[in-house]
Every structure is written in C-alpha cells, then in structure tokens.
C-alpha cells in the first residue's frame, strides 16, 4: 500500500532522515521505533505532505505522492493523527468528529461512522456537546483517533498516541488499535512504547539519527538484543 524509497529530508542544514526505505502492506500494523530525535515524526509528516523530501520517492497504492500537497494526500485516503492531538478546542466533540469527515458527502456513511467510532470510544458519545478543549488528555487522544477514522482512511498514521497517558488509557488505546487491525485497517504507528507497539504490530523498523538500523517481524524485533537493551530495558 505504501512504499517509501530512499527518502532524505532536511530541516535547513540538518539532515533529519537519510535514504530511508520501507513499506507498509495492506492490512498490516507497522511500527517505527527509535529514540527522541531519530526522525520518526519527520517521516510521518513527510508521508502526509507536510514536509518535502529532497531525494527519493513515496508511493501510495501505486501512485507517486512525493510532490502532492497534503490535502490531496488526504483525499487519496491517508489520515494522520499527529503527536499532541491537535483537536479543535473550541468545537464540540461532535463537531470535531464531523470535521474529520469534511471531504465526504455521503451523509448516511458519515452517520454510520459516527456510530462506529463512538462504539470504539463510548466516552465520546457521552461528551458529544462538550468542547474539545475541556476533555482530559486521554479523551482528547481518543477524539483525535476517532476524528482520523471519520475520513474513512485507507491508511491511518499515528504519532505517539500513548504519550503522556495513564497506563489504563494506554491499554485502551492499544486495544482499540488492535481491534482496528483485526478489522483490516492498515496502520503506520510511531510510538515510544516499544513493547505494546510490537505486541500489536506485524512488522517494525528501528531508526537512529534518521537512518534505518533494524527491521523485521514484531517477534524478531522483540527478541533482538539491541532492541531489548535500547528500548525494553533488557
């Protein structure tokens, strides 16, 4: 579904990503691991068209999206849930969810998806009239994921969805992502919670200072001594 080939990205003179190649197949959950500053967020922002590469190519469902603007990439079916949630604080929960479907005109499908995403996160239905900015951090993260799903994406990209959340809410987020994966959703996940990411993922890639240093199935990475030492406290 997604093919990233030899991409390099710079912030000014700083090279954030160096000749990175990886892919995501239909129906997979793939995670990108690495320490702070490894280039993980840069990769996601580049796929979404928010940053430009200076070499390499990105393909989505066989289409070259390397130079497409971000709103065209959204139309093709890529939804990006950024780090920090970025919900609309002065809109209600329901309005936030409806904003996720702003490119759609199938009112019946939108209503069905509203019911679906609130079945994944029942607390959101109870919070429908509440302003997004008044929600707890965990509720805002649920809202951000649900809003991403309202676009009916083919690929869901998530950047640090468990960051700053209480352990019980982290479990809820990961169980929901696992449910989405079991229903066939293709997910690309950046997450510092290595153990839980690999527990739900098909495969993973490890970045270090913008370069790919390891890749493999989730079980291979979980048993890799380097991963255990650097990310699992082993």
C-alpha atoms as a PDB file:
ATOM      1  CA  UNK A   1       0.000   0.000   0.000  1.00  0.00           C
ATOM      2  CA  UNK A   2       2.747   2.441   0.989  1.00  0.00           C
ATOM      3  CA  UNK A   3       6.256   2.402  -0.442  1.00  0.00           C
ATOM      4  CA  UNK A   4       8.924   4.807   0.807  1.00  0.00           C
ATOM      5  CA  UNK A   5      12.068   4.651  -1.319  1.00  0.00           C
ATOM      6  CA  UNK A   6      15.404   6.212  -0.398  1.00  0.00           C
ATOM      7  CA  UNK A   7      13.906   9.402   1.020  1.00  0.00           C
ATOM      8  CA  UNK A   8      16.049  12.090   2.599  1.00  0.00           C
ATOM      9  CA  UNK A   9      14.635  15.088   4.477  1.00  0.00           C
ATOM     10  CA  UNK A  10      16.365  18.205   5.805  1.00  0.00           C
ATOM     11  CA  UNK A  11      15.453  20.917   8.297  1.00  0.00           C
ATOM     12  CA  UNK A  12      17.633  23.724   6.953  1.00  0.00           C
ATOM     13  CA  UNK A  13      21.148  22.274   7.006  1.00  0.00           C
ATOM     14  CA  UNK A  14      20.237  19.459   9.388  1.00  0.00           C
ATOM     15  CA  UNK A  15      19.594  16.124   7.718  1.00  0.00           C
ATOM     16  CA  UNK A  16      16.737  14.570   9.673  1.00  0.00           C
ATOM     17  CA  UNK A  17      16.182  11.463   7.522  1.00  0.00           C
ATOM     18  CA  UNK A  18      18.814   9.737   5.387  1.00  0.00           C
ATOM     19  CA  UNK A  19      17.975   7.478   2.430  1.00  0.00           C
ATOM     20  CA  UNK A  20      15.183   5.688   4.235  1.00  0.00           C
ATOM     21  CA  UNK A  21      13.339   2.823   2.561  1.00  0.00           C
ATOM     22  CA  UNK A  22      10.407   0.860   3.984  1.00  0.00           C
ATOM     23  CA  UNK A  23       6.930  -0.331   3.046  1.00  0.00           C
ATOM     24  CA  UNK A  24       3.524  -0.992   4.548  1.00  0.00           C
ATOM     25  CA  UNK A  25       1.316  -3.718   3.097  1.00  0.00           C
ATOM     26  CA  UNK A  26      -2.474  -3.761   3.016  1.00  0.00           C
ATOM     27  CA  UNK A  27      -3.959  -4.756   6.377  1.00  0.00           C
ATOM     28  CA  UNK A  28      -0.713  -4.528   8.343  1.00  0.00           C
ATOM     29  CA  UNK A  29       0.111  -2.673  11.519  1.00  0.00           C
ATOM     30  CA  UNK A  30       3.681  -1.434  11.095  1.00  0.00           C
ATOM     31  CA  UNK A  31       5.536   0.466  13.802  1.00  0.00           C
ATOM     32  CA  UNK A  32       8.521   2.785  13.551  1.00  0.00           C
ATOM     33  CA  UNK A  33      10.676   2.759  16.660  1.00  0.00           C
ATOM     34  CA  UNK A  34      13.549   4.924  17.837  1.00  0.00           C
ATOM     35  CA  UNK A  35      14.689   7.364  20.474  1.00  0.00           C
ATOM     36  CA  UNK A  36      13.737  11.051  20.532  1.00  0.00           C
ATOM     37  CA  UNK A  37      15.316  12.802  17.570  1.00  0.00           C
ATOM     38  CA  UNK A  38      15.561   9.630  15.486  1.00  0.00           C
ATOM     39  CA  UNK A  39      13.422  11.145  12.725  1.00  0.00           C
ATOM     40  CA  UNK A  40      10.194   9.247  13.329  1.00  0.00           C
ATOM     41  CA  UNK A  41       7.831  12.231  13.319  1.00  0.00           C
ATOM     42  CA  UNK A  42       9.665  13.674  10.312  1.00  0.00           C
ATOM     43  CA  UNK A  43       8.915  10.506   8.366  1.00  0.00           C
ATOM     44  CA  UNK A  44       5.184  10.705   9.125  1.00  0.00           C
ATOM     45  CA  UNK A  45       4.993  14.412   8.292  1.00  0.00           C
ATOM     46  CA  UNK A  46       6.761  13.740   5.007  1.00  0.00           C
ATOM     47  CA  UNK A  47       4.352  10.967   4.018  1.00  0.00           C
ATOM     48  CA  UNK A  48       1.456  13.332   4.778  1.00  0.00           C
ATOM     49  CA  UNK A  49       2.896  16.070   2.564  1.00  0.00           C
ATOM     50  CA  UNK A  50       3.675  18.437   5.432  1.00  0.00           C
ATOM     51  CA  UNK A  51       7.410  18.250   4.717  1.00  0.00           C
ATOM     52  CA  UNK A  52       9.224  17.934   1.395  1.00  0.00           C
ATOM     53  CA  UNK A  53      11.943  15.436   0.577  1.00  0.00           C
ATOM     54  CA  UNK A  54      14.989  16.424  -1.442  1.00  0.00           C
ATOM     55  CA  UNK A  55      15.596  12.929  -2.756  1.00  0.00           C
ATOM     56  CA  UNK A  56      13.664   9.698  -3.027  1.00  0.00           C
ATOM     57  CA  UNK A  57      10.033   8.833  -3.726  1.00  0.00           C
ATOM     58  CA  UNK A  58       6.833   7.945  -1.869  1.00  0.00           C
ATOM     59  CA  UNK A  59       4.115   5.810  -3.483  1.00  0.00           C
ATOM     60  CA  UNK A  60       0.637   5.139  -2.148  1.00  0.00           C
ATOM     61  CA  UNK A  61      -1.424   2.428  -3.838  1.00  0.00           C
ATOM     62  CA  UNK A  62       0.874   2.659  -6.844  1.00  0.00           C
ATOM     63  CA  UNK A  63       0.563   6.453  -7.181  1.00  0.00           C
ATOM     64  CA  UNK A  64       3.550   8.745  -6.772  1.00  0.00           C
ATOM     65  CA  UNK A  65       2.585  11.175  -3.986  1.00  0.00           C
ATOM     66  CA  UNK A  66       6.059  12.657  -3.448  1.00  0.00           C
ATOM     67  CA  UNK A  67       5.129  16.180  -4.556  1.00  0.00           C
ATOM     68  CA  UNK A  68       1.414  16.196  -3.785  1.00  0.00           C
ATOM     69  CA  UNK A  69       0.068  18.801  -1.334  1.00  0.00           C
ATOM     70  CA  UNK A  70      -1.227  17.430   1.946  1.00  0.00           C
ATOM     71  CA  UNK A  71      -4.938  17.971   1.169  1.00  0.00           C
ATOM     72  CA  UNK A  72      -4.568  15.844  -1.982  1.00  0.00           C
ATOM     73  CA  UNK A  73      -2.891  13.111   0.049  1.00  0.00           C
ATOM     74  CA  UNK A  74      -5.826  13.152   2.485  1.00  0.00           C
ATOM     75  CA  UNK A  75      -8.210  12.728  -0.464  1.00  0.00           C
ATOM     76  CA  UNK A  76      -6.316   9.612  -1.512  1.00  0.00           C
ATOM     77  CA  UNK A  77      -7.053   8.027   1.868  1.00  0.00           C
ATOM     78  CA  UNK A  78      -4.212   8.816   4.291  1.00  0.00           C
ATOM     79  CA  UNK A  79      -5.281  10.118   7.712  1.00  0.00           C
ATOM     80  CA  UNK A  80      -2.597  11.480  10.034  1.00  0.00           C
ATOM     81  CA  UNK A  81      -3.238  11.691  13.791  1.00  0.00           C
ATOM     82  CA  UNK A  82      -0.353  13.920  14.949  1.00  0.00           C
ATOM     83  CA  UNK A  83       1.553  13.933  18.190  1.00  0.00           C
ATOM     84  CA  UNK A  84      -0.113  16.329  20.614  1.00  0.00           C
ATOM     85  CA  UNK A  85      -3.647  15.521  19.325  1.00  0.00           C
ATOM     86  CA  UNK A  86      -4.364  18.947  17.746  1.00  0.00           C
ATOM     87  CA  UNK A  87      -8.099  18.716  18.207  1.00  0.00           C
ATOM     88  CA  UNK A  88     -10.246  21.843  17.805  1.00  0.00           C
ATOM     89  CA  UNK A  89     -10.600  23.064  21.412  1.00  0.00           C
ATOM     90  CA  UNK A  90     -13.477  25.464  20.727  1.00  0.00           C
ATOM     91  CA  UNK A  91     -15.604  22.934  18.840  1.00  0.00           C
ATOM     92  CA  UNK A  92     -17.754  20.291  20.484  1.00  0.00           C
ATOM     93  CA  UNK A  93     -16.778  16.627  20.389  1.00  0.00           C
ATOM     94  CA  UNK A  94     -19.434  16.001  17.747  1.00  0.00           C
ATOM     95  CA  UNK A  95     -18.193  18.931  15.647  1.00  0.00           C
ATOM     96  CA  UNK A  96     -14.611  17.678  15.933  1.00  0.00           C
ATOM     97  CA  UNK A  97     -15.718  14.300  14.631  1.00  0.00           C
ATOM     98  CA  UNK A  98     -17.669  15.888  11.802  1.00  0.00           C
ATOM     99  CA  UNK A  99     -14.572  17.882  10.827  1.00  0.00           C
ATOM    100  CA  UNK A 100     -12.820  14.575  10.263  1.00  0.00           C
ATOM    101  CA  UNK A 101     -15.352  13.862   7.505  1.00  0.00           C
ATOM    102  CA  UNK A 102     -15.112  17.271   5.805  1.00  0.00           C
ATOM    103  CA  UNK A 103     -14.137  15.749   2.440  1.00  0.00           C
ATOM    104  CA  UNK A 104     -17.095  13.347   2.424  1.00  0.00           C
ATOM    105  CA  UNK A 105     -20.613  13.943   1.159  1.00  0.00           C
ATOM    106  CA  UNK A 106     -22.184  10.561   1.995  1.00  0.00           C
ATOM    107  CA  UNK A 107     -24.356  11.617   4.927  1.00  0.00           C
ATOM    108  CA  UNK A 108     -25.550   8.086   5.687  1.00  0.00           C
ATOM    109  CA  UNK A 109     -21.977   6.762   5.708  1.00  0.00           C
ATOM    110  CA  UNK A 110     -20.878   9.625   7.940  1.00  0.00           C
ATOM    111  CA  UNK A 111     -23.636   8.832  10.419  1.00  0.00           C
ATOM    112  CA  UNK A 112     -22.678   5.137  10.380  1.00  0.00           C
ATOM    113  CA  UNK A 113     -19.054   6.039  11.022  1.00  0.00           C
ATOM    114  CA  UNK A 114     -20.056   8.359  13.872  1.00  0.00           C
ATOM    115  CA  UNK A 115     -21.791   5.405  15.476  1.00  0.00           C
ATOM    116  CA  UNK A 116     -18.787   3.168  14.769  1.00  0.00           C
ATOM    117  CA  UNK A 117     -16.122   5.456  16.246  1.00  0.00           C
ATOM    118  CA  UNK A 118     -18.215   6.117  19.340  1.00  0.00           C
ATOM    119  CA  UNK A 119     -18.620   2.359  19.776  1.00  0.00           C
ATOM    120  CA  UNK A 120     -14.806   2.175  19.836  1.00  0.00           C
ATOM    121  CA  UNK A 121     -14.644   5.040  22.362  1.00  0.00           C
ATOM    122  CA  UNK A 122     -18.029   5.137  24.176  1.00  0.00           C
ATOM    123  CA  UNK A 123     -16.942   8.064  26.369  1.00  0.00           C
ATOM    124  CA  UNK A 124     -17.017  10.315  23.284  1.00  0.00           C
ATOM    125  CA  UNK A 125     -20.751   9.862  22.843  1.00  0.00           C
ATOM    126  CA  UNK A 126     -21.281  10.975  26.433  1.00  0.00           C
ATOM    127  CA  UNK A 127     -19.116  14.011  25.706  1.00  0.00           C
ATOM    128  CA  UNK A 128     -20.823  14.966  22.399  1.00  0.00           C
ATOM    129  CA  UNK A 129     -21.877  18.522  23.403  1.00  0.00           C
ATOM    130  CA  UNK A 130     -18.692  19.224  25.381  1.00  0.00           C
ATOM    131  CA  UNK A 131     -15.970  21.492  23.973  1.00  0.00           C
ATOM    132  CA  UNK A 132     -12.900  19.554  22.870  1.00  0.00           C
ATOM    133  CA  UNK A 133     -10.602  21.707  24.979  1.00  0.00           C
ATOM    134  CA  UNK A 134     -12.369  20.654  28.188  1.00  0.00           C
ATOM    135  CA  UNK A 135     -11.668  16.936  27.710  1.00  0.00           C
ATOM    136  CA  UNK A 136      -8.965  15.084  29.627  1.00  0.00           C
ATOM    137  CA  UNK A 137      -5.749  14.225  27.805  1.00  0.00           C
ATOM    138  CA  UNK A 138      -6.866  10.639  27.281  1.00  0.00           C
ATOM    139  CA  UNK A 139     -10.258  11.703  25.965  1.00  0.00           C
ATOM    140  CA  UNK A 140      -8.597  14.160  23.590  1.00  0.00           C
ATOM    141  CA  UNK A 141      -6.392  11.356  22.249  1.00  0.00           C
ATOM    142  CA  UNK A 142      -9.446   9.159  21.698  1.00  0.00           C
ATOM    143  CA  UNK A 143     -11.128  12.063  19.932  1.00  0.00           C
ATOM    144  CA  UNK A 144      -8.088  12.630  17.707  1.00  0.00           C
ATOM    145  CA  UNK A 145      -8.031   8.970  16.637  1.00  0.00           C
ATOM    146  CA  UNK A 146     -11.798   8.900  16.110  1.00  0.00           C
ATOM    147  CA  UNK A 147     -11.613  12.108  14.052  1.00  0.00           C
ATOM    148  CA  UNK A 148      -8.951  10.485  11.869  1.00  0.00           C
ATOM    149  CA  UNK A 149     -11.198   7.477  11.324  1.00  0.00           C
ATOM    150  CA  UNK A 150     -14.099   9.711  10.275  1.00  0.00           C
ATOM    151  CA  UNK A 151     -12.292  10.370   6.989  1.00  0.00           C
ATOM    152  CA  UNK A 152     -12.733   6.659   6.201  1.00  0.00           C
ATOM    153  CA  UNK A 153      -8.993   6.314   5.533  1.00  0.00           C
ATOM    154  CA  UNK A 154      -7.224   3.507   3.744  1.00  0.00           C
ATOM    155  CA  UNK A 155      -4.104   4.164   5.836  1.00  0.00           C
ATOM    156  CA  UNK A 156      -4.162   5.508   9.397  1.00  0.00           C
ATOM    157  CA  UNK A 157      -0.924   7.156  10.557  1.00  0.00           C
ATOM    158  CA  UNK A 158      -0.497   7.698  14.299  1.00  0.00           C
ATOM    159  CA  UNK A 159       2.269   9.664  16.014  1.00  0.00           C
ATOM    160  CA  UNK A 160       2.837   8.770  19.689  1.00  0.00           C
ATOM    161  CA  UNK A 161      -0.814   8.044  20.562  1.00  0.00           C
ATOM    162  CA  UNK A 162       0.027   6.913  24.112  1.00  0.00           C
ATOM    163  CA  UNK A 163       2.279   9.862  25.003  1.00  0.00           C
ATOM    164  CA  UNK A 164       1.507  11.287  28.427  1.00  0.00           C
ATOM    165  CA  UNK A 165      -1.434   8.996  29.132  1.00  0.00           C
ATOM    166  CA  UNK A 166      -2.145   6.999  32.279  1.00  0.00           C
ATOM    167  CA  UNK A 167      -1.396   3.264  31.926  1.00  0.00           C
ATOM    168  CA  UNK A 168      -5.074   2.260  31.861  1.00  0.00           C
ATOM    169  CA  UNK A 169      -5.720   4.672  28.979  1.00  0.00           C
ATOM    170  CA  UNK A 170      -2.624   3.428  27.152  1.00  0.00           C
ATOM    171  CA  UNK A 171      -4.123  -0.077  27.330  1.00  0.00           C
ATOM    172  CA  UNK A 172      -7.411   1.232  25.941  1.00  0.00           C
ATOM    173  CA  UNK A 173      -5.670   2.952  23.012  1.00  0.00           C
ATOM    174  CA  UNK A 174      -3.634  -0.130  22.099  1.00  0.00           C
ATOM    175  CA  UNK A 175      -6.609  -2.480  22.396  1.00  0.00           C
ATOM    176  CA  UNK A 176      -8.543  -0.194  20.051  1.00  0.00           C
ATOM    177  CA  UNK A 177      -5.693  -0.146  17.534  1.00  0.00           C
ATOM    178  CA  UNK A 178      -5.520  -3.926  17.729  1.00  0.00           C
ATOM    179  CA  UNK A 179      -9.278  -4.117  17.081  1.00  0.00           C
ATOM    180  CA  UNK A 180      -8.912  -1.822  14.071  1.00  0.00           C
ATOM    181  CA  UNK A 181      -6.108  -4.006  12.749  1.00  0.00           C
ATOM    182  CA  UNK A 182      -8.204  -7.141  13.183  1.00  0.00           C
ATOM    183  CA  UNK A 183     -10.934  -5.458  11.136  1.00  0.00           C
ATOM    184  CA  UNK A 184      -8.462  -4.887   8.291  1.00  0.00           C
ATOM    185  CA  UNK A 185      -7.347  -1.295   8.908  1.00  0.00           C
ATOM    186  CA  UNK A 186      -3.803  -0.558   7.698  1.00  0.00           C
ATOM    187  CA  UNK A 187      -1.884   1.358  10.366  1.00  0.00           C
ATOM    188  CA  UNK A 188       1.531   3.020  10.485  1.00  0.00           C
ATOM    189  CA  UNK A 189       2.441   3.747  14.084  1.00  0.00           C
ATOM    190  CA  UNK A 190       5.218   5.800  15.661  1.00  0.00           C
ATOM    191  CA  UNK A 191       5.396   5.032  19.349  1.00  0.00           C
ATOM    192  CA  UNK A 192       7.936   5.037  22.180  1.00  0.00           C
ATOM    193  CA  UNK A 193       6.013   2.334  23.998  1.00  0.00           C
ATOM    194  CA  UNK A 194       8.020  -0.345  22.220  1.00  0.00           C
ATOM    195  CA  UNK A 195       6.661  -3.421  23.958  1.00  0.00           C
ATOM    196  CA  UNK A 196       2.986  -2.641  23.397  1.00  0.00           C
ATOM    197  CA  UNK A 197       3.624  -1.459  19.833  1.00  0.00           C
ATOM    198  CA  UNK A 198       5.341  -4.690  18.858  1.00  0.00           C
ATOM    199  CA  UNK A 199       2.645  -6.694  20.669  1.00  0.00           C
ATOM    200  CA  UNK A 200       0.046  -5.495  18.134  1.00  0.00           C
ATOM    201  CA  UNK A 201       2.255  -4.943  15.065  1.00  0.00           C
ATOM    202  CA  UNK A 202       3.028  -7.217  12.138  1.00  0.00           C
ATOM    203  CA  UNK A 203       6.433  -5.692  11.492  1.00  0.00           C
ATOM    204  CA  UNK A 204       8.657  -2.879  12.670  1.00  0.00           C
ATOM    205  CA  UNK A 205      11.513  -0.601  11.677  1.00  0.00           C
ATOM    206  CA  UNK A 206      14.076   0.961  14.018  1.00  0.00           C
ATOM    207  CA  UNK A 207      15.539   4.390  13.227  1.00  0.00           C
ATOM    208  CA  UNK A 208      18.624   6.008  14.683  1.00  0.00           C
ATOM    209  CA  UNK A 209      19.559   9.586  13.752  1.00  0.00           C
ATOM    210  CA  UNK A 210      17.415   9.386  10.633  1.00  0.00           C
ATOM    211  CA  UNK A 211      18.795   6.094   9.350  1.00  0.00           C
ATOM    212  CA  UNK A 212      17.251   2.637   9.310  1.00  0.00           C
ATOM    213  CA  UNK A 213      19.303   0.333  11.520  1.00  0.00           C
ATOM    214  CA  UNK A 214      16.954  -2.631  12.004  1.00  0.00           C
ATOM    215  CA  UNK A 215      13.812  -4.129  10.531  1.00  0.00           C
ATOM    216  CA  UNK A 216      11.907  -7.353  10.956  1.00  0.00           C
ATOM    217  CA  UNK A 217       8.751  -9.002  12.179  1.00  0.00           C
ATOM    218  CA  UNK A 218       7.462  -7.908  15.563  1.00  0.00           C
ATOM    219  CA  UNK A 219       8.636 -11.146  17.188  1.00  0.00           C
ATOM    220  CA  UNK A 220      12.104 -10.800  15.623  1.00  0.00           C
ATOM    221  CA  UNK A 221      12.467  -7.272  16.987  1.00  0.00           C
ATOM    222  CA  UNK A 222      11.154  -8.233  20.427  1.00  0.00           C
ATOM    223  CA  UNK A 223      13.838 -10.912  20.685  1.00  0.00           C
ATOM    224  CA  UNK A 224      16.634  -8.763  19.180  1.00  0.00           C
ATOM    225  CA  UNK A 225      19.313  -7.986  21.831  1.00  0.00           C
ATOM    226  CA  UNK A 226      19.782  -4.417  20.553  1.00  0.00           C
ATOM    227  CA  UNK A 227      16.051  -3.682  20.827  1.00  0.00           C
ATOM    228  CA  UNK A 228      15.859  -5.335  24.230  1.00  0.00           C
ATOM    229  CA  UNK A 229      18.765  -3.292  25.550  1.00  0.00           C
ATOM    230  CA  UNK A 230      17.843   0.055  24.000  1.00  0.00           C
ATOM    231  CA  UNK A 231      14.043   0.034  24.208  1.00  0.00           C
ATOM    232  CA  UNK A 232      12.837  -2.747  26.506  1.00  0.00           C
ATOM    233  CA  UNK A 233      15.166  -2.284  29.475  1.00  0.00           C
ATOM    234  CA  UNK A 234      16.690  -5.730  28.962  1.00  0.00           C
END
